[in-house]
C-alpha cells in the first residue's frame, strides 16, 4: 500500500483518531507533546500545524532526536527523496511533516487490515 492508496481513509473518523493517537505516542517517546482535539474534519491541518514546527526545530538543533523520530515512524530514505523531488515549492520540514502524517496513517490502515483477517 502506497500513500496514494490512503485517500479513502482520510474521511474515516476511527482511522483518523487511531492515526492521531499513533502520532501522539511516537512523538511522546521523544518528549514532544502533540495534542488532538478529536475533530476529524481538520485533523490533518491540526496535526500538521503541531508537527511541522517541531520538525523544523529538530532539523537545525537536534539531529539525533530528528533521526530517531524518522526511524521510529519508519520513513525510508526513498520516501523522503521521492517527496523532495515531487514537492519543490514546500520546505523540507513541511514535506517531512506531510510524510509523517501519511506514514502514520498507512501504519494504522495496514495494522487494521491484518487485524480484521
N, C-alpha and C. Protein backbone atom coordinates (compact mmCIF):
# COMPACT_ATOMS: atom_id res chain seq x y z
N UNK A 1 0.85 -1.18 0.00
CA UNK A 1 0.00 0.00 0.00
C UNK A 1 0.89 1.24 0.00
N UNK A 2 0.69 2.10 -1.01
CA UNK A 2 1.46 3.34 -1.04
C UNK A 2 0.58 4.51 -0.60
N UNK A 3 1.17 5.68 -0.53
CA UNK A 3 0.46 6.84 0.01
C UNK A 3 -0.76 7.24 -0.83
N UNK A 4 -0.72 6.99 -2.12
CA UNK A 4 -1.86 7.36 -2.97
C UNK A 4 -3.08 6.49 -2.69
N UNK A 5 -2.88 5.32 -2.12
CA UNK A 5 -3.99 4.43 -1.76
C UNK A 5 -4.70 4.85 -0.48
N UNK A 6 -4.19 5.84 0.20
CA UNK A 6 -4.72 6.23 1.51
C UNK A 6 -5.91 7.19 1.44
N UNK A 7 -6.17 7.78 0.29
CA UNK A 7 -7.20 8.81 0.17
C UNK A 7 -8.54 8.44 0.81
N UNK A 8 -9.08 7.23 0.63
CA UNK A 8 -10.38 6.91 1.23
C UNK A 8 -10.37 6.93 2.76
N UNK A 9 -9.21 6.78 3.36
CA UNK A 9 -9.13 6.69 4.82
C UNK A 9 -9.07 8.05 5.50
N UNK A 10 -8.83 9.11 4.74
CA UNK A 10 -8.78 10.45 5.32
C UNK A 10 -10.16 10.89 5.84
N UNK A 11 -11.22 10.18 5.46
CA UNK A 11 -12.58 10.54 5.88
C UNK A 11 -13.17 9.58 6.91
N UNK A 12 -12.39 8.65 7.39
CA UNK A 12 -12.89 7.68 8.36
C UNK A 12 -12.46 8.10 9.76
N UNK A 13 -13.45 8.49 10.55
CA UNK A 13 -13.20 9.04 11.88
C UNK A 13 -12.36 8.11 12.76
N UNK A 14 -12.69 6.83 12.80
CA UNK A 14 -11.95 5.90 13.66
C UNK A 14 -10.49 5.78 13.24
N UNK A 15 -10.24 5.75 11.94
CA UNK A 15 -8.87 5.65 11.44
C UNK A 15 -8.10 6.94 11.73
N UNK A 16 -8.76 8.07 11.58
CA UNK A 16 -8.11 9.36 11.86
C UNK A 16 -7.73 9.45 13.33
N UNK A 17 -8.62 9.02 14.21
CA UNK A 17 -8.32 9.06 15.65
C UNK A 17 -7.17 8.12 16.00
N UNK A 18 -7.16 6.93 15.40
CA UNK A 18 -6.05 5.99 15.64
C UNK A 18 -4.73 6.57 15.14
N UNK A 19 -4.79 7.24 13.99
CA UNK A 19 -3.58 7.85 13.44
C UNK A 19 -3.07 8.95 14.36
N UNK A 20 -3.96 9.78 14.83
CA UNK A 20 -3.57 10.85 15.77
C UNK A 20 -2.95 10.24 17.03
N UNK A 21 -3.55 9.19 17.54
CA UNK A 21 -3.01 8.53 18.74
C UNK A 21 -1.63 7.94 18.47
N UNK A 22 -1.41 7.40 17.28
CA UNK A 22 -0.11 6.85 16.92
C UNK A 22 0.94 7.97 16.85
N UNK A 23 0.56 9.09 16.27
CA UNK A 23 1.47 10.24 16.19
C UNK A 23 1.80 10.74 17.60
N UNK A 24 0.78 10.88 18.43
CA UNK A 24 0.98 11.34 19.81
C UNK A 24 1.93 10.41 20.54
N UNK A 25 1.73 9.12 20.40
CA UNK A 25 2.57 8.12 21.08
C UNK A 25 4.02 8.19 20.59
N UNK A 26 4.20 8.25 19.27
CA UNK A 26 5.56 8.24 18.72
C UNK A 26 6.32 9.51 19.09
N UNK A 27 5.68 10.66 19.05
CA UNK A 27 6.37 11.90 19.41
C UNK A 27 6.61 11.97 20.91
N UNK A 28 5.69 11.42 21.70
CA UNK A 28 5.84 11.43 23.16
C UNK A 28 7.10 10.67 23.58
N UNK A 29 7.46 9.65 22.83
CA UNK A 29 8.68 8.88 23.14
C UNK A 29 9.93 9.76 23.11
N UNK A 30 9.82 10.89 22.41
CA UNK A 30 10.95 11.81 22.29
C UNK A 30 10.70 13.11 23.07
N UNK A 31 9.71 13.08 23.97
CA UNK A 31 9.44 14.22 24.83
C UNK A 31 8.76 15.37 24.11
N UNK A 32 8.08 15.09 23.00
CA UNK A 32 7.39 16.12 22.24
C UNK A 32 5.90 15.89 22.36
N UNK A 33 5.22 16.91 22.87
CA UNK A 33 3.78 16.78 23.09
C UNK A 33 3.00 17.22 21.85
N UNK A 34 2.16 16.32 21.36
CA UNK A 34 1.23 16.59 20.27
C UNK A 34 -0.16 16.34 20.83
N UNK A 35 -1.09 17.24 20.54
CA UNK A 35 -2.46 17.09 21.01
C UNK A 35 -3.40 16.97 19.82
N UNK A 36 -4.53 16.31 20.07
CA UNK A 36 -5.54 16.17 19.02
C UNK A 36 -6.91 16.43 19.63
N UNK A 37 -7.66 17.32 19.01
CA UNK A 37 -8.97 17.71 19.54
C UNK A 37 -10.04 16.65 19.33
N UNK A 38 -9.80 15.74 18.39
CA UNK A 38 -10.80 14.73 18.07
C UNK A 38 -11.65 15.10 16.87
N UNK A 39 -11.45 16.29 16.33
CA UNK A 39 -12.20 16.73 15.16
C UNK A 39 -11.55 16.18 13.90
N UNK A 40 -12.19 15.18 13.30
CA UNK A 40 -11.61 14.52 12.13
C UNK A 40 -11.63 15.40 10.89
N UNK A 41 -12.47 16.41 10.87
CA UNK A 41 -12.61 17.24 9.67
C UNK A 41 -11.41 18.14 9.42
N UNK A 42 -10.70 18.49 10.47
CA UNK A 42 -9.49 19.28 10.27
C UNK A 42 -8.27 18.60 10.90
N UNK A 43 -8.33 17.29 11.03
CA UNK A 43 -7.28 16.54 11.70
C UNK A 43 -5.92 16.73 11.05
N UNK A 44 -5.88 16.63 9.72
CA UNK A 44 -4.60 16.78 9.03
C UNK A 44 -3.97 18.13 9.36
N UNK A 45 -4.75 19.20 9.19
CA UNK A 45 -4.22 20.55 9.45
C UNK A 45 -3.80 20.71 10.91
N UNK A 46 -4.62 20.20 11.81
CA UNK A 46 -4.32 20.32 13.24
C UNK A 46 -3.01 19.61 13.58
N UNK A 47 -2.84 18.40 13.08
CA UNK A 47 -1.62 17.64 13.35
C UNK A 47 -0.42 18.26 12.64
N UNK A 48 -0.60 18.65 11.40
CA UNK A 48 0.48 19.25 10.63
C UNK A 48 1.01 20.51 11.31
N UNK A 49 0.10 21.36 11.77
CA UNK A 49 0.50 22.62 12.41
C UNK A 49 1.27 22.40 13.71
N UNK A 50 1.10 21.26 14.33
CA UNK A 50 1.85 20.96 15.55
C UNK A 50 3.18 20.26 15.22
N UNK A 51 3.16 19.37 14.25
CA UNK A 51 4.35 18.59 13.92
C UNK A 51 5.42 19.45 13.24
N UNK A 52 5.01 20.26 12.27
CA UNK A 52 5.97 20.99 11.43
C UNK A 52 6.94 21.86 12.23
N UNK A 53 6.48 22.66 13.20
CA UNK A 53 7.46 23.47 13.96
C UNK A 53 8.48 22.62 14.72
N UNK A 54 8.03 21.48 15.24
CA UNK A 54 8.96 20.59 15.95
C UNK A 54 10.00 20.02 15.00
N UNK A 55 9.54 19.57 13.83
CA UNK A 55 10.46 19.01 12.85
C UNK A 55 11.44 20.08 12.39
N UNK A 56 10.94 21.26 12.11
CA UNK A 56 11.79 22.37 11.67
C UNK A 56 12.88 22.67 12.71
N UNK A 57 12.49 22.70 13.97
CA UNK A 57 13.45 22.98 15.04
C UNK A 57 14.47 21.85 15.18
N UNK A 58 13.98 20.61 15.13
CA UNK A 58 14.88 19.46 15.30
C UNK A 58 15.90 19.36 14.17
N UNK A 59 15.52 19.71 12.96
CA UNK A 59 16.44 19.64 11.82
C UNK A 59 17.69 20.47 12.11
N UNK A 60 17.50 21.63 12.71
CA UNK A 60 18.65 22.51 12.94
C UNK A 60 19.28 22.36 14.32
N UNK A 61 18.55 21.81 15.28
CA UNK A 61 19.09 21.83 16.64
C UNK A 61 19.39 20.47 17.25
N UNK A 62 18.76 19.41 16.76
CA UNK A 62 18.97 18.10 17.40
C UNK A 62 18.83 16.99 16.36
N UNK A 63 19.88 16.80 15.59
CA UNK A 63 19.87 15.80 14.52
C UNK A 63 19.61 14.39 15.05
N UNK A 64 20.12 14.09 16.22
CA UNK A 64 19.95 12.75 16.79
C UNK A 64 18.48 12.47 17.08
N UNK A 65 17.80 13.40 17.71
CA UNK A 65 16.38 13.24 18.01
C UNK A 65 15.57 13.22 16.71
N UNK A 66 15.93 14.09 15.77
CA UNK A 66 15.27 14.14 14.47
C UNK A 66 15.36 12.79 13.77
N UNK A 67 16.55 12.23 13.71
CA UNK A 67 16.73 10.92 13.06
C UNK A 67 16.01 9.81 13.84
N UNK A 68 15.98 9.94 15.15
CA UNK A 68 15.26 8.96 15.98
C UNK A 68 13.77 8.95 15.67
N UNK A 69 13.20 10.12 15.49
CA UNK A 69 11.77 10.21 15.15
C UNK A 69 11.51 9.59 13.79
N UNK A 70 12.36 9.93 12.81
CA UNK A 70 12.18 9.34 11.47
C UNK A 70 12.30 7.82 11.51
N UNK A 71 13.24 7.32 12.31
CA UNK A 71 13.42 5.88 12.45
C UNK A 71 12.20 5.25 13.13
N UNK A 72 11.73 5.87 14.18
CA UNK A 72 10.57 5.36 14.93
C UNK A 72 9.33 5.31 14.04
N UNK A 73 9.14 6.34 13.24
CA UNK A 73 7.97 6.41 12.35
C UNK A 73 8.16 5.52 11.14
N UNK A 74 9.40 5.18 10.83
CA UNK A 74 9.74 4.27 9.74
C UNK A 74 9.58 4.94 8.38
N UNK A 75 10.15 6.13 8.25
CA UNK A 75 10.21 6.80 6.96
C UNK A 75 11.53 6.43 6.28
N UNK A 76 11.44 5.91 5.09
CA UNK A 76 12.64 5.47 4.38
C UNK A 76 13.28 6.63 3.62
N UNK A 77 14.55 6.47 3.32
CA UNK A 77 15.26 7.46 2.51
C UNK A 77 14.59 7.62 1.15
N UNK A 78 14.12 6.51 0.60
CA UNK A 78 13.48 6.54 -0.72
C UNK A 78 12.20 7.38 -0.69
N UNK A 79 11.39 7.22 0.37
CA UNK A 79 10.16 8.00 0.50
C UNK A 79 10.48 9.50 0.60
N UNK A 80 11.50 9.82 1.36
CA UNK A 80 11.88 11.22 1.55
C UNK A 80 12.41 11.80 0.24
N UNK A 81 13.30 11.08 -0.42
CA UNK A 81 13.86 11.56 -1.69
C UNK A 81 12.77 11.77 -2.74
N UNK A 82 11.85 10.82 -2.83
CA UNK A 82 10.77 10.93 -3.80
C UNK A 82 9.90 12.17 -3.51
N UNK A 83 9.57 12.37 -2.25
CA UNK A 83 8.75 13.52 -1.87
C UNK A 83 9.47 14.83 -2.14
N UNK A 84 10.77 14.86 -1.92
CA UNK A 84 11.54 16.08 -2.18
C UNK A 84 11.54 16.42 -3.67
N UNK A 85 11.62 15.41 -4.52
CA UNK A 85 11.60 15.63 -5.96
C UNK A 85 10.24 16.12 -6.43
N UNK A 86 9.17 15.61 -5.81
CA UNK A 86 7.81 15.95 -6.23
C UNK A 86 7.32 17.28 -5.67
N UNK A 87 7.89 17.74 -4.58
CA UNK A 87 7.42 18.95 -3.88
C UNK A 87 8.52 19.99 -3.77
N UNK A 88 8.79 20.67 -4.84
CA UNK A 88 9.88 21.65 -4.83
C UNK A 88 9.48 22.99 -4.23
N UNK A 89 8.18 23.21 -4.04
CA UNK A 89 7.74 24.52 -3.53
C UNK A 89 7.59 24.55 -2.01
N UNK A 90 7.65 23.40 -1.35
CA UNK A 90 7.50 23.35 0.10
C UNK A 90 8.86 23.22 0.78
N UNK A 91 8.91 23.63 2.03
CA UNK A 91 10.14 23.49 2.80
C UNK A 91 10.36 22.03 3.18
N UNK A 92 11.59 21.73 3.55
CA UNK A 92 11.94 20.37 3.96
C UNK A 92 11.09 19.92 5.13
N UNK A 93 10.90 20.79 6.12
CA UNK A 93 10.11 20.42 7.30
C UNK A 93 8.64 20.21 6.95
N UNK A 94 8.11 20.97 5.99
CA UNK A 94 6.73 20.78 5.55
C UNK A 94 6.56 19.44 4.84
N UNK A 95 7.51 19.10 4.00
CA UNK A 95 7.46 17.83 3.28
C UNK A 95 7.54 16.67 4.26
N UNK A 96 8.45 16.77 5.22
CA UNK A 96 8.59 15.69 6.21
C UNK A 96 7.35 15.57 7.10
N UNK A 97 6.77 16.68 7.47
CA UNK A 97 5.58 16.64 8.32
C UNK A 97 4.43 15.95 7.59
N UNK A 98 4.28 16.26 6.31
CA UNK A 98 3.28 15.60 5.49
C UNK A 98 3.55 14.10 5.41
N UNK A 99 4.80 13.73 5.17
CA UNK A 99 5.17 12.31 5.10
C UNK A 99 4.91 11.58 6.41
N UNK A 100 5.19 12.25 7.52
CA UNK A 100 4.98 11.64 8.83
C UNK A 100 3.50 11.31 9.03
N UNK A 101 2.63 12.24 8.72
CA UNK A 101 1.20 12.01 8.89
C UNK A 101 0.73 10.87 7.97
N UNK A 102 1.17 10.90 6.73
CA UNK A 102 0.77 9.85 5.78
C UNK A 102 1.33 8.48 6.18
N UNK A 103 2.57 8.44 6.66
CA UNK A 103 3.16 7.16 7.08
C UNK A 103 2.44 6.61 8.30
N UNK A 104 2.10 7.47 9.24
CA UNK A 104 1.37 7.01 10.43
C UNK A 104 -0.01 6.50 10.04
N UNK A 105 -0.68 7.18 9.12
CA UNK A 105 -1.97 6.71 8.61
C UNK A 105 -1.81 5.37 7.93
N UNK A 106 -0.78 5.23 7.13
CA UNK A 106 -0.52 3.98 6.44
C UNK A 106 -0.31 2.84 7.43
N UNK A 107 0.42 3.08 8.50
CA UNK A 107 0.64 2.03 9.51
C UNK A 107 -0.67 1.61 10.15
N UNK A 108 -1.54 2.57 10.46
CA UNK A 108 -2.84 2.26 11.07
C UNK A 108 -3.69 1.44 10.11
N UNK A 109 -3.76 1.84 8.86
CA UNK A 109 -4.57 1.14 7.87
C UNK A 109 -4.06 -0.30 7.69
N UNK A 110 -2.77 -0.47 7.57
CA UNK A 110 -2.20 -1.82 7.40
C UNK A 110 -2.46 -2.66 8.63
N UNK A 111 -2.25 -2.10 9.81
CA UNK A 111 -2.49 -2.85 11.05
C UNK A 111 -3.95 -3.28 11.14
N UNK A 112 -4.89 -2.39 10.83
CA UNK A 112 -6.31 -2.72 10.87
C UNK A 112 -6.68 -3.76 9.83
N UNK A 113 -6.05 -3.68 8.68
CA UNK A 113 -6.32 -4.67 7.61
C UNK A 113 -5.96 -6.08 8.08
N UNK A 114 -4.78 -6.22 8.67
CA UNK A 114 -4.34 -7.55 9.11
C UNK A 114 -5.04 -7.98 10.40
N UNK A 115 -5.48 -7.04 11.21
CA UNK A 115 -6.20 -7.37 12.43
C UNK A 115 -7.58 -7.97 12.09
N UNK A 116 -8.18 -7.49 10.99
CA UNK A 116 -9.51 -7.95 10.62
C UNK A 116 -9.50 -9.30 9.90
N UNK A 117 -8.34 -9.77 9.53
CA UNK A 117 -8.26 -11.04 8.79
C UNK A 117 -8.11 -12.21 9.71
